[in-house]
Amino acid sequence: WFRQIPGKEREFVASISRGGSSIAYGDSVKGRFTISRDNVENTAYLQM
């Protein structure tokens, strides 16, 4: 997940590996956002 404000660089928010075992967050959202995925539903989520 990335986010972008007009006039600013695209910012890394969160990432998750194929099986969900490796997760990373940008410093600005760590502790507030949660990334997850459901491979059966073919959907990834970002809880903010």
ModelCIF file with pLDDT and N, C-alpha, C, O atoms, coordinates in Angstrom:
data_MODEL
#
_entry.id   MODEL 
#
_entity.id                         1 
_entity.type                       polymer 
_entity.pdbx_number_of_molecules   1 
#
_entity_poly.entity_id                      1 
_entity_poly.type                           'polypeptide(L)' 
_entity_poly.nstd_linkage                   no 
_entity_poly.nstd_monomer                   no 
_entity_poly.pdbx_seq_one_letter_code       WFRQIPGKEREFVASISRGGSSIAYGDSVKGRFTISRDNVENTAYLQM 
_entity_poly.pdbx_seq_one_letter_code_can   WFRQIPGKEREFVASISRGGSSIAYGDSVKGRFTISRDNVENTAYLQM 
_entity_poly.pdbx_strand_id                 A 
#
loop_
_entity_poly_seq.entity_id 
_entity_poly_seq.num 
_entity_poly_seq.mon_id 
_entity_poly_seq.hetero 
1 1  TRP n 
1 2  PHE n 
1 3  ARG n 
1 4  GLN n 
1 5  ILE n 
1 6  PRO n 
1 7  GLY n 
1 8  LYS n 
1 9  GLU n 
1 10 ARG n 
1 11 GLU n 
1 12 PHE n 
1 13 VAL n 
1 14 ALA n 
1 15 SER n 
1 16 ILE n 
1 17 SER n 
1 18 ARG n 
1 19 GLY n 
1 20 GLY n 
1 21 SER n 
1 22 SER n 
1 23 ILE n 
1 24 ALA n 
1 25 TYR n 
1 26 GLY n 
1 27 ASP n 
1 28 SER n 
1 29 VAL n 
1 30 LYS n 
1 31 GLY n 
1 32 ARG n 
1 33 PHE n 
1 34 THR n 
1 35 ILE n 
1 36 SER n 
1 37 ARG n 
1 38 ASP n 
1 39 ASN n 
1 40 VAL n 
1 41 GLU n 
1 42 ASN n 
1 43 THR n 
1 44 ALA n 
1 45 TYR n 
1 46 LEU n 
1 47 GLN n 
1 48 MET n 
#
_struct_asym.id          A 
_struct_asym.entity_id   1 
#
loop_
_ma_qa_metric.id 
_ma_qa_metric.mode 
_ma_qa_metric.name 
_ma_qa_metric.software_group_id 
_ma_qa_metric.type 
1 global pLDDT . pLDDT 
2 local  pLDDT . pLDDT 
#
_ma_qa_metric_global.metric_id      1 
_ma_qa_metric_global.metric_value   95.96 
_ma_qa_metric_global.model_id       1 
_ma_qa_metric_global.ordinal_id     1 
#
loop_
_ma_qa_metric_local.label_asym_id 
_ma_qa_metric_local.label_comp_id 
_ma_qa_metric_local.label_seq_id 
_ma_qa_metric_local.metric_id 
_ma_qa_metric_local.metric_value 
_ma_qa_metric_local.model_id 
_ma_qa_metric_local.ordinal_id 
A TRP 1  2 98.00 1 1  
A PHE 2  2 98.00 1 2  
A ARG 3  2 98.00 1 3  
A GLN 4  2 97.00 1 4  
A ILE 5  2 95.00 1 5  
A PRO 6  2 88.00 1 6  
A GLY 7  2 92.00 1 7  
A LYS 8  2 94.00 1 8  
A GLU 9  2 94.00 1 9  
A ARG 10 2 95.00 1 10 
A GLU 11 2 96.00 1 11 
A PHE 12 2 97.00 1 12 
A VAL 13 2 98.00 1 13 
A ALA 14 2 97.00 1 14 
A SER 15 2 97.00 1 15 
A ILE 16 2 96.00 1 16 
A SER 17 2 95.00 1 17 
A ARG 18 2 93.00 1 18 
A GLY 19 2 90.00 1 19 
A GLY 20 2 92.00 1 20 
A SER 21 2 93.00 1 21 
A SER 22 2 95.00 1 22 
A ILE 23 2 95.00 1 23 
A ALA 24 2 96.00 1 24 
A TYR 25 2 97.00 1 25 
A GLY 26 2 97.00 1 26 
A ASP 27 2 97.00 1 27 
A SER 28 2 96.00 1 28 
A VAL 29 2 97.00 1 29 
A LYS 30 2 97.00 1 30 
A GLY 31 2 97.00 1 31 
A ARG 32 2 98.00 1 32 
A PHE 33 2 98.00 1 33 
A THR 34 2 98.00 1 34 
A ILE 35 2 98.00 1 35 
A SER 36 2 98.00 1 36 
A ARG 37 2 97.00 1 37 
A ASP 38 2 96.00 1 38 
A ASN 39 2 92.00 1 39 
A VAL 40 2 95.00 1 40 
A GLU 41 2 96.00 1 41 
A ASN 42 2 96.00 1 42 
A THR 43 2 97.00 1 43 
A ALA 44 2 98.00 1 44 
A TYR 45 2 98.00 1 45 
A LEU 46 2 98.00 1 46 
A GLN 47 2 98.00 1 47 
A MET 48 2 98.00 1 48 
#
loop_
_atom_site.group_PDB 
_atom_site.id 
_atom_site.type_symbol 
_atom_site.label_atom_id 
_atom_site.label_alt_id 
_atom_site.label_comp_id 
_atom_site.label_asym_id 
_atom_site.label_entity_id 
_atom_site.label_seq_id 
_atom_site.pdbx_PDB_ins_code 
_atom_site.Cartn_x 
_atom_site.Cartn_y 
_atom_site.Cartn_z 
_atom_site.occupancy 
_atom_site.B_iso_or_equiv 
_atom_site.pdbx_formal_charge 
_atom_site.auth_seq_id 
_atom_site.auth_comp_id 
_atom_site.auth_asym_id 
_atom_site.auth_atom_id 
_atom_site.pdbx_PDB_model_num 
ATOM 1   N N  . TRP A 1 1  ? 0.846   -1.178  0.000  1.00 98.00 ? 1  TRP A N  1 
ATOM 2   C CA . TRP A 1 1  ? 0.000   0.000   0.000  1.00 98.00 ? 1  TRP A CA 1 
ATOM 3   C C  . TRP A 1 1  ? 0.891   1.241   0.000  1.00 98.00 ? 1  TRP A C  1 
ATOM 4   O O  . TRP A 1 1  ? 1.850   1.339   0.766  1.00 98.00 ? 1  TRP A O  1 
ATOM 5   N N  . PHE A 1 2  ? 0.560   2.166   -0.859 1.00 98.00 ? 2  PHE A N  1 
ATOM 6   C CA . PHE A 1 2  ? 1.247   3.442   -0.948 1.00 98.00 ? 2  PHE A CA 1 
ATOM 7   C C  . PHE A 1 2  ? 0.216   4.553   -0.923 1.00 98.00 ? 2  PHE A C  1 
ATOM 8   O O  . PHE A 1 2  ? -0.964  4.321   -1.190 1.00 98.00 ? 2  PHE A O  1 
ATOM 9   N N  . ARG A 1 3  ? 0.656   5.747   -0.606 1.00 98.00 ? 3  ARG A N  1 
ATOM 10  C CA . ARG A 1 3  ? -0.234  6.896   -0.657 1.00 98.00 ? 3  ARG A CA 1 
ATOM 11  C C  . ARG A 1 3  ? 0.499   8.075   -1.264 1.00 98.00 ? 3  ARG A C  1 
ATOM 12  O O  . ARG A 1 3  ? 1.726   8.161   -1.208 1.00 98.00 ? 3  ARG A O  1 
ATOM 13  N N  . GLN A 1 4  ? -0.273  8.983   -1.844 1.00 97.00 ? 4  GLN A N  1 
ATOM 14  C CA . GLN A 1 4  ? 0.319   10.118  -2.519 1.00 97.00 ? 4  GLN A CA 1 
ATOM 15  C C  . GLN A 1 4  ? -0.541  11.359  -2.334 1.00 97.00 ? 4  GLN A C  1 
ATOM 16  O O  . GLN A 1 4  ? -1.757  11.329  -2.523 1.00 97.00 ? 4  GLN A O  1 
ATOM 17  N N  . ILE A 1 5  ? 0.113   12.438  -1.962 1.00 95.00 ? 5  ILE A N  1 
ATOM 18  C CA . ILE A 1 5  ? -0.490  13.760  -1.879 1.00 95.00 ? 5  ILE A CA 1 
ATOM 19  C C  . ILE A 1 5  ? 0.002   14.561  -3.076 1.00 95.00 ? 5  ILE A C  1 
ATOM 20  O O  . ILE A 1 5  ? 1.180   14.476  -3.425 1.00 95.00 ? 5  ILE A O  1 
ATOM 21  N N  . PRO A 1 6  ? -0.875  15.340  -3.716 1.00 88.00 ? 6  PRO A N  1 
ATOM 22  C CA . PRO A 1 6  ? -0.428  16.122  -4.872 1.00 88.00 ? 6  PRO A CA 1 
ATOM 23  C C  . PRO A 1 6  ? 0.803   16.960  -4.555 1.00 88.00 ? 6  PRO A C  1 
ATOM 24  O O  . PRO A 1 6  ? 0.853   17.651  -3.537 1.00 88.00 ? 6  PRO A O  1 
ATOM 25  N N  . GLY A 1 7  ? 1.788   16.892  -5.433 1.00 92.00 ? 7  GLY A N  1 
ATOM 26  C CA . GLY A 1 7  ? 3.016   17.638  -5.258 1.00 92.00 ? 7  GLY A CA 1 
ATOM 27  C C  . GLY A 1 7  ? 4.056   16.965  -4.393 1.00 92.00 ? 7  GLY A C  1 
ATOM 28  O O  . GLY A 1 7  ? 5.144   17.509  -4.205 1.00 92.00 ? 7  GLY A O  1 
ATOM 29  N N  . LYS A 1 8  ? 3.749   15.793  -3.861 1.00 94.00 ? 8  LYS A N  1 
ATOM 30  C CA . LYS A 1 8  ? 4.691   15.084  -3.008 1.00 94.00 ? 8  LYS A CA 1 
ATOM 31  C C  . LYS A 1 8  ? 4.998   13.707  -3.589 1.00 94.00 ? 8  LYS A C  1 
ATOM 32  O O  . LYS A 1 8  ? 4.255   13.177  -4.416 1.00 94.00 ? 8  LYS A O  1 
ATOM 33  N N  . GLU A 1 9  ? 6.100   13.152  -3.136 1.00 94.00 ? 9  GLU A N  1 
ATOM 34  C CA . GLU A 1 9  ? 6.490   11.819  -3.573 1.00 94.00 ? 9  GLU A CA 1 
ATOM 35  C C  . GLU A 1 9  ? 5.526   10.772  -3.028 1.00 94.00 ? 9  GLU A C  1 
ATOM 36  O O  . GLU A 1 9  ? 4.955   10.928  -1.948 1.00 94.00 ? 9  GLU A O  1 
ATOM 37  N N  . ARG A 1 10 ? 5.364   9.725   -3.787 1.00 95.00 ? 10 ARG A N  1 
ATOM 38  C CA . ARG A 1 10 ? 4.569   8.615   -3.322 1.00 95.00 ? 10 ARG A CA 1 
ATOM 39  C C  . ARG A 1 10 ? 5.232   7.990   -2.099 1.00 95.00 ? 10 ARG A C  1 
ATOM 40  O O  . ARG A 1 10 ? 6.438   7.743   -2.101 1.00 95.00 ? 10 ARG A O  1 
ATOM 41  N N  . GLU A 1 11 ? 4.456   7.737   -1.072 1.00 96.00 ? 11 GLU A N  1 
ATOM 42  C CA . GLU A 1 11 ? 4.959   7.299   0.212  1.00 96.00 ? 11 GLU A CA 1 
ATOM 43  C C  . GLU A 1 11 ? 4.596   5.849   0.481  1.00 96.00 ? 11 GLU A C  1 
ATOM 44  O O  . GLU A 1 11 ? 3.454   5.438   0.272  1.00 96.00 ? 11 GLU A O  1 
ATOM 45  N N  . PHE A 1 12 ? 5.552   5.088   0.939  1.00 97.00 ? 12 PHE A N  1 
ATOM 46  C CA . PHE A 1 12 ? 5.314   3.714   1.342  1.00 97.00 ? 12 PHE A CA 1 
ATOM 47  C C  . PHE A 1 12 ? 4.499   3.675   2.619  1.00 97.00 ? 12 PHE A C  1 
ATOM 48  O O  . PHE A 1 12 ? 4.795   4.389   3.577  1.00 97.00 ? 12 PHE A O  1 
ATOM 49  N N  . VAL A 1 13 ? 3.472   2.840   2.629  1.00 98.00 ? 13 VAL A N  1 
ATOM 50  C CA . VAL A 1 13 ? 2.600   2.703   3.788  1.00 98.00 ? 13 VAL A CA 1 
ATOM 51  C C  . VAL A 1 13 ? 2.791   1.349   4.466  1.00 98.00 ? 13 VAL A C  1 
ATOM 52  O O  . VAL A 1 13 ? 3.058   1.280   5.665  1.00 98.00 ? 13 VAL A O  1 
ATOM 53  N N  . ALA A 1 14 ? 2.654   0.281   3.696  1.00 97.00 ? 14 ALA A N  1 
ATOM 54  C CA . ALA A 1 14 ? 2.738   -1.058  4.271  1.00 97.00 ? 14 ALA A CA 1 
ATOM 55  C C  . ALA A 1 14 ? 2.931   -2.073  3.163  1.00 97.00 ? 14 ALA A C  1 
ATOM 56  O O  . ALA A 1 14 ? 2.607   -1.809  2.005  1.00 97.00 ? 14 ALA A O  1 
ATOM 57  N N  . SER A 1 15 ? 3.459   -3.230  3.517  1.00 97.00 ? 15 SER A N  1 
ATOM 58  C CA . SER A 1 15 ? 3.615   -4.316  2.561  1.00 97.00 ? 15 SER A CA 1 
ATOM 59  C C  . SER A 1 15 ? 3.466   -5.646  3.271  1.00 97.00 ? 15 SER A C  1 
ATOM 60  O O  . SER A 1 15 ? 3.654   -5.752  4.483  1.00 97.00 ? 15 SER A O  1 
ATOM 61  N N  . ILE A 1 16 ? 3.124   -6.656  2.492  1.00 96.00 ? 16 ILE A N  1 
ATOM 62  C CA . ILE A 1 16 ? 2.929   -7.993  3.027  1.00 96.00 ? 16 ILE A CA 1 
ATOM 63  C C  . ILE A 1 16 ? 3.359   -9.006  1.982  1.00 96.00 ? 16 ILE A C  1 
ATOM 64  O O  . ILE A 1 16 ? 3.075   -8.841  0.796  1.00 96.00 ? 16 ILE A O  1 
ATOM 65  N N  . SER A 1 17 ? 4.038   -10.042 2.415  1.00 95.00 ? 17 SER A N  1 
ATOM 66  C CA . SER A 1 17 ? 4.553   -11.051 1.507  1.00 95.00 ? 17 SER A CA 1 
ATOM 67  C C  . SER A 1 17 ? 3.439   -11.974 1.034  1.00 95.00 ? 17 SER A C  1 
ATOM 68  O O  . SER A 1 17 ? 2.298   -11.877 1.486  1.00 95.00 ? 17 SER A O  1 
ATOM 69  N N  . ARG A 1 18 ? 3.790   -12.866 0.120  1.00 93.00 ? 18 ARG A N  1 
ATOM 70  C CA . ARG A 1 18 ? 2.794   -13.731 -0.517 1.00 93.00 ? 18 ARG A CA 1 
ATOM 71  C C  . ARG A 1 18 ? 1.942   -14.505 0.484  1.00 93.00 ? 18 ARG A C  1 
ATOM 72  O O  . ARG A 1 18 ? 0.718   -14.550 0.365  1.00 93.00 ? 18 ARG A O  1 
ATOM 73  N N  . GLY A 1 19 ? 2.588   -15.101 1.455  1.00 90.00 ? 19 GLY A N  1 
ATOM 74  C CA . GLY A 1 19 ? 1.871   -15.881 2.446  1.00 90.00 ? 19 GLY A CA 1 
ATOM 75  C C  . GLY A 1 19 ? 1.490   -15.109 3.689  1.00 90.00 ? 19 GLY A C  1 
ATOM 76  O O  . GLY A 1 19 ? 0.836   -15.656 4.578  1.00 90.00 ? 19 GLY A O  1 
ATOM 77  N N  . GLY A 1 20 ? 1.884   -13.850 3.772  1.00 92.00 ? 20 GLY A N  1 
ATOM 78  C CA . GLY A 1 20 ? 1.528   -13.019 4.901  1.00 92.00 ? 20 GLY A CA 1 
ATOM 79  C C  . GLY A 1 20 ? 2.483   -13.080 6.068  1.00 92.00 ? 20 GLY A C  1 
ATOM 80  O O  . GLY A 1 20 ? 2.219   -12.472 7.105  1.00 92.00 ? 20 GLY A O  1 
ATOM 81  N N  . SER A 1 21 ? 3.591   -13.798 5.934  1.00 93.00 ? 21 SER A N  1 
ATOM 82  C CA . SER A 1 21 ? 4.503   -13.971 7.052  1.00 93.00 ? 21 SER A CA 1 
ATOM 83  C C  . SER A 1 21 ? 5.457   -12.802 7.243  1.00 93.00 ? 21 SER A C  1 
ATOM 84  O O  . SER A 1 21 ? 6.003   -12.629 8.333  1.00 93.00 ? 21 SER A O  1 
ATOM 85  N N  . SER A 1 22 ? 5.668   -12.003 6.217  1.00 95.00 ? 22 SER A N  1 
ATOM 86  C CA . SER A 1 22 ? 6.577   -10.867 6.292  1.00 95.00 ? 22 SER A CA 1 
ATOM 87  C C  . SER A 1 22 ? 5.789   -9.586  6.057  1.00 95.00 ? 22 SER A C  1 
ATOM 88  O O  . SER A 1 22 ? 5.162   -9.420  5.011  1.00 95.00 ? 22 SER A O  1 
ATOM 89  N N  . ILE A 1 23 ? 5.823   -8.685  7.031  1.00 95.00 ? 23 ILE A N  1 
ATOM 90  C CA . ILE A 1 23 ? 5.042   -7.446  6.992  1.00 95.00 ? 23 ILE A CA 1 
ATOM 91  C C  . ILE A 1 23 ? 5.941   -6.284  7.358  1.00 95.00 ? 23 ILE A C  1 
ATOM 92  O O  . ILE A 1 23 ? 6.799   -6.397  8.233  1.00 95.00 ? 23 ILE A O  1 
ATOM 93  N N  . ALA A 1 24 ? 5.737   -5.168  6.683  1.00 96.00 ? 24 ALA A N  1 
ATOM 94  C CA . ALA A 1 24 ? 6.491   -3.964  6.988  1.00 96.00 ? 24 ALA A CA 1 
ATOM 95  C C  . ALA A 1 24 ? 5.566   -2.758  6.922  1.00 96.00 ? 24 ALA A C  1 
ATOM 96  O O  . ALA A 1 24 ? 4.586   -2.750  6.178  1.00 96.00 ? 24 ALA A O  1 
ATOM 97  N N  . TYR A 1 25 ? 5.893   -1.729  7.719  1.00 97.00 ? 25 TYR A N  1 
ATOM 98  C CA . TYR A 1 25 ? 5.112   -0.504  7.756  1.00 97.00 ? 25 TYR A CA 1 
ATOM 99  C C  . TYR A 1 25 ? 6.018   0.706   7.635  1.00 97.00 ? 25 TYR A C  1 
ATOM 100 O O  . TYR A 1 25 ? 7.166   0.692   8.080  1.00 97.00 ? 25 TYR A O  1 
ATOM 101 N N  . GLY A 1 26 ? 5.484   1.750   7.026  1.00 97.00 ? 26 GLY A N  1 
ATOM 102 C CA . GLY A 1 26 ? 6.173   3.018   7.068  1.00 97.00 ? 26 GLY A CA 1 
ATOM 103 C C  . GLY A 1 26 ? 6.121   3.609   8.459  1.00 97.00 ? 26 GLY A C  1 
ATOM 104 O O  . GLY A 1 26 ? 5.189   3.359   9.223  1.00 97.00 ? 26 GLY A O  1 
ATOM 105 N N  . ASP A 1 27 ? 7.142   4.401   8.778  1.00 97.00 ? 27 ASP A N  1 
ATOM 106 C CA . ASP A 1 27 ? 7.236   4.953   10.122 1.00 97.00 ? 27 ASP A CA 1 
ATOM 107 C C  . ASP A 1 27 ? 6.025   5.810   10.500 1.00 97.00 ? 27 ASP A C  1 
ATOM 108 O O  . ASP A 1 27 ? 5.630   5.846   11.665 1.00 97.00 ? 27 ASP A O  1 
ATOM 109 N N  . SER A 1 28 ? 5.449   6.485   9.538  1.00 96.00 ? 28 SER A N  1 
ATOM 110 C CA . SER A 1 28 ? 4.362   7.399   9.838  1.00 96.00 ? 28 SER A CA 1 
ATOM 111 C C  . SER A 1 28 ? 3.057   6.705   10.193 1.00 96.00 ? 28 SER A C  1 
ATOM 112 O O  . SER A 1 28 ? 2.157   7.337   10.746 1.00 96.00 ? 28 SER A O  1 
ATOM 113 N N  . VAL A 1 29 ? 2.935   5.417   9.886  1.00 97.00 ? 29 VAL A N  1 
ATOM 114 C CA . VAL A 1 29 ? 1.688   4.713   10.138 1.00 97.00 ? 29 VAL A CA 1 
ATOM 115 C C  . VAL A 1 29 ? 1.852   3.554   11.107 1.00 97.00 ? 29 VAL A C  1 
ATOM 116 O O  . VAL A 1 29 ? 0.862   2.945   11.513 1.00 97.00 ? 29 VAL A O  1 
ATOM 117 N N  . LYS A 1 30 ? 3.060   3.247   11.475 1.00 97.00 ? 30 LYS A N  1 
ATOM 118 C CA . LYS A 1 30 ? 3.312   2.113   12.356 1.00 97.00 ? 30 LYS A CA 1 
ATOM 119 C C  . LYS A 1 30 ? 2.572   2.291   13.677 1.00 97.00 ? 30 LYS A C  1 
ATOM 120 O O  . LYS A 1 30 ? 2.635   3.348   14.306 1.00 97.00 ? 30 LYS A O  1 
ATOM 121 N N  . GLY A 1 31 ? 1.880   1.250   14.077 1.00 97.00 ? 31 GLY A N  1 
ATOM 122 C CA . GLY A 1 31 ? 1.098   1.292   15.297 1.00 97.00 ? 31 GLY A CA 1 
ATOM 123 C C  . GLY A 1 31 ? -0.332  1.724   15.099 1.00 97.00 ? 31 GLY A C  1 
ATOM 124 O O  . GLY A 1 31 ? -1.156  1.555   15.998 1.00 97.00 ? 31 GLY A O  1 
ATOM 125 N N  . ARG A 1 32 ? -0.650  2.278   13.943 1.00 98.00 ? 32 ARG A N  1 
ATOM 126 C CA . ARG A 1 32 ? -2.002  2.728   13.648 1.00 98.00 ? 32 ARG A CA 1 
ATOM 127 C C  . ARG A 1 32 ? -2.658  1.939   12.530 1.00 98.00 ? 32 ARG A C  1 
ATOM 128 O O  . ARG A 1 32 ? -3.869  1.721   12.554 1.00 98.00 ? 32 ARG A O  1 
ATOM 129 N N  . PHE A 1 33 ? -1.875  1.510   11.553 1.00 98.00 ? 33 PHE A N  1 
ATOM 130 C CA . PHE A 1 33 ? -2.393  0.799   10.394 1.00 98.00 ? 33 PHE A CA 1 
ATOM 131 C C  . PHE A 1 33 ? -2.005  -0.671  10.477 1.00 98.00 ? 33 PHE A C  1 
ATOM 132 O O  . PHE A 1 33 ? -0.970  -1.022  11.044 1.00 98.00 ? 33 PHE A O  1 
ATOM 133 N N  . THR A 1 34 ? -2.844  -1.517  9.907  1.00 98.00 ? 34 THR A N  1 
ATOM 134 C CA . THR A 1 34 ? -2.582  -2.944  9.850  1.00 98.00 ? 34 THR A CA 1 
ATOM 135 C C  . THR A 1 34 ? -2.869  -3.465  8.452  1.00 98.00 ? 34 THR A C  1 
ATOM 136 O O  . THR A 1 34 ? -3.962  -3.268  7.921  1.00 98.00 ? 34 THR A O  1 
ATOM 137 N N  . ILE A 1 35 ? -1.895  -4.123  7.863  1.00 98.00 ? 35 ILE A N  1 
ATOM 138 C CA . ILE A 1 35 ? -2.076  -4.730  6.556  1.00 98.00 ? 35 ILE A CA 1 
ATOM 139 C C  . ILE A 1 35 ? -2.362  -6.220  6.735  1.00 98.00 ? 35 ILE A C  1 
ATOM 140 O O  . ILE A 1 35 ? -1.795  -6.868  7.615  1.00 98.00 ? 35 ILE A O  1 
ATOM 141 N N  . SER A 1 36 ? -3.229  -6.747  5.909  1.00 98.00 ? 36 SER A N  1 
ATOM 142 C CA . SER A 1 36 ? -3.552  -8.165  5.952  1.00 98.00 ? 36 SER A CA 1 
ATOM 143 C C  . SER A 1 36 ? -3.964  -8.618  4.558  1.00 98.00 ? 36 SER A C  1 
ATOM 144 O O  . SER A 1 36 ? -4.126  -7.806  3.648  1.00 98.00 ? 36 SER A O  1 
ATOM 145 N N  . ARG A 1 37 ? -4.128  -9.921  4.410  1.00 97.00 ? 37 ARG A N  1 
ATOM 146 C CA . ARG A 1 37 ? -4.561  -10.434 3.117  1.00 97.00 ? 37 ARG A CA 1 
ATOM 147 C C  . ARG A 1 37 ? -5.354  -11.708 3.295  1.00 97.00 ? 37 ARG A C  1 
ATOM 148 O O  . ARG A 1 37 ? -5.180  -12.439 4.270  1.00 97.00 ? 37 ARG A O  1 
ATOM 149 N N  . ASP A 1 38 ? -6.222  -11.959 2.344  1.00 96.00 ? 38 ASP A N  1 
ATOM 150 C CA . ASP A 1 38 ? -7.019  -13.172 2.295  1.00 96.00 ? 38 ASP A CA 1 
ATOM 151 C C  . ASP A 1 38 ? -6.845  -13.731 0.891  1.00 96.00 ? 38 ASP A C  1 
ATOM 152 O O  . ASP A 1 38 ? -7.484  -13.266 -0.053 1.00 96.00 ? 38 ASP A O  1 
ATOM 153 N N  . ASN A 1 39 ? -5.986  -14.718 0.756  1.00 92.00 ? 39 ASN A N  1 
ATOM 154 C CA . ASN A 1 39 ? -5.681  -15.240 -0.571 1.00 92.00 ? 39 ASN A CA 1 
ATOM 155 C C  . ASN A 1 39 ? -6.827  -16.042 -1.168 1.00 92.00 ? 39 ASN A C  1 
ATOM 156 O O  . ASN A 1 39 ? -6.891  -16.217 -2.384 1.00 92.00 ? 39 ASN A O  1 
ATOM 157 N N  . VAL A 1 40 ? -7.731  -16.532 -0.328 1.00 95.00 ? 40 VAL A N  1 
ATOM 158 C CA . VAL A 1 40 ? -8.910  -17.216 -0.849 1.00 95.00 ? 40 VAL A CA 1 
ATOM 159 C C  . VAL A 1 40 ? -9.835  -16.215 -1.519 1.00 95.00 ? 40 VAL A C  1 
ATOM 160 O O  . VAL A 1 40 ? -10.395 -16.492 -2.579 1.00 95.00 ? 40 VAL A O  1 
ATOM 161 N N  . GLU A 1 41 ? -9.994  -15.057 -0.904 1.00 96.00 ? 41 GLU A N  1 
ATOM 162 C CA . GLU A 1 41 ? -10.820 -13.998 -1.468 1.00 96.00 ? 41 GLU A CA 1 
ATOM 163 C C  . GLU A 1 41 ? -10.074 -13.138 -2.482 1.00 96.00 ? 41 GLU A C  1 
ATOM 164 O O  . GLU A 1 41 ? -10.676 -12.263 -3.105 1.00 96.00 ? 41 GLU A O  1 
ATOM 165 N N  . ASN A 1 42 ? -8.791  -13.369 -2.655 1.00 96.00 ? 42 ASN A N  1 
ATOM 166 C CA . ASN A 1 42 ? -7.970  -12.560 -3.561 1.00 96.00 ? 42 ASN A CA 1 
ATOM 167 C C  . ASN A 1 42 ? -8.046  -11.079 -3.201 1.00 96.00 ? 42 ASN A C  1 
ATOM 168 O O  . ASN A 1 42 ? -8.196  -10.219 -4.070 1.00 96.00 ? 42 ASN A O  1 
ATOM 169 N N  . THR A 1 43 ? -7.940  -10.806 -1.930 1.00 97.00 ? 43 THR A N  1 
ATOM 170 C CA . THR A 1 43 ? -8.090  -9.445  -1.438 1.00 97.00 ? 43 THR A CA 1 
ATOM 171 C C  . THR A 1 43 ? -7.056  -9.146  -0.367 1.00 97.00 ? 43 THR A C  1 
ATOM 172 O O  . THR A 1 43 ? -6.788  -9.975  0.502  1.00 97.00 ? 43 THR A O  1 
ATOM 173 N N  . ALA A 1 44 ? -6.480  -7.961  -0.436 1.00 98.00 ? 44 ALA A N  1 
ATOM 174 C CA . ALA A 1 44 ? -5.629  -7.430  0.613  1.00 98.00 ? 44 ALA A CA 1 
ATOM 175 C C  . ALA A 1 44 ? -6.336  -6.258  1.274  1.00 98.00 ? 44 ALA A C  1 
ATOM 176 O O  . ALA A 1 44 ? -7.167  -5.593  0.655  1.00 98.00 ? 44 ALA A O  1 
ATOM 177 N N  . TYR A 1 45 ? -6.005  -6.012  2.518  1.00 98.00 ? 45 TYR A N  1 
ATOM 178 C CA . TYR A 1 45 ? -6.683  -4.983  3.294  1.00 98.00 ? 45 TYR A CA 1 
ATOM 179 C C  . TYR A 1 45 ? -5.683  -4.063  3.964  1.00 98.00 ? 45 TYR A C  1 
ATOM 180 O O  . TYR A 1 45 ? -4.535  -4.427  4.222  1.00 98.00 ? 45 TYR A O  1 
ATOM 181 N N  . LEU A 1 46 ? -6.153  -2.868  4.232  1.00 98.00 ? 46 LEU A N  1 
ATOM 182 C CA . LEU A 1 46 ? -5.414  -1.926  5.049  1.00 98.00 ? 46 LEU A CA 1 
ATOM 183 C C  . LEU A 1 46 ? -6.379  -1.337  6.063  1.00 98.00 ? 46 LEU A C  1 
ATOM 184 O O  . LEU A 1 46 ? -7.225  -0.511  5.719  1.00 98.00 ? 46 LEU A O  1 
ATOM 185 N N  . GLN A 1 47 ? -6.251  -1.760  7.303  1.00 98.00 ? 47 GLN A N  1 
ATOM 186 C CA . GLN A 1 47 ? -7.052  -1.210  8.383  1.00 98.00 ? 47 GLN A CA 1 
ATOM 187 C C  . GLN A 1 47 ? -6.354  0.026   8.918  1.00 98.00 ? 47 GLN A C  1 
ATOM 188 O O  . GLN A 1 47 ? -5.201  -0.044  9.343  1.00 98.00 ? 47 GLN A O  1 
ATOM 189 N N  . MET A 1 48 ? -7.038  1.147   8.899  1.00 98.00 ? 48 MET A N  1 
ATOM 190 C CA . MET A 1 48 ? -6.468  2.419   9.301  1.00 98.00 ? 48 MET A CA 1 
ATOM 191 C C  . MET A 1 48 ? -7.220  2.936   10.517 1.00 98.00 ? 48 MET A C  1 
ATOM 192 O O  . MET A 1 48 ? -6.902  4.009   11.030 1.00 98.00 ? 48 MET A O  1 
#
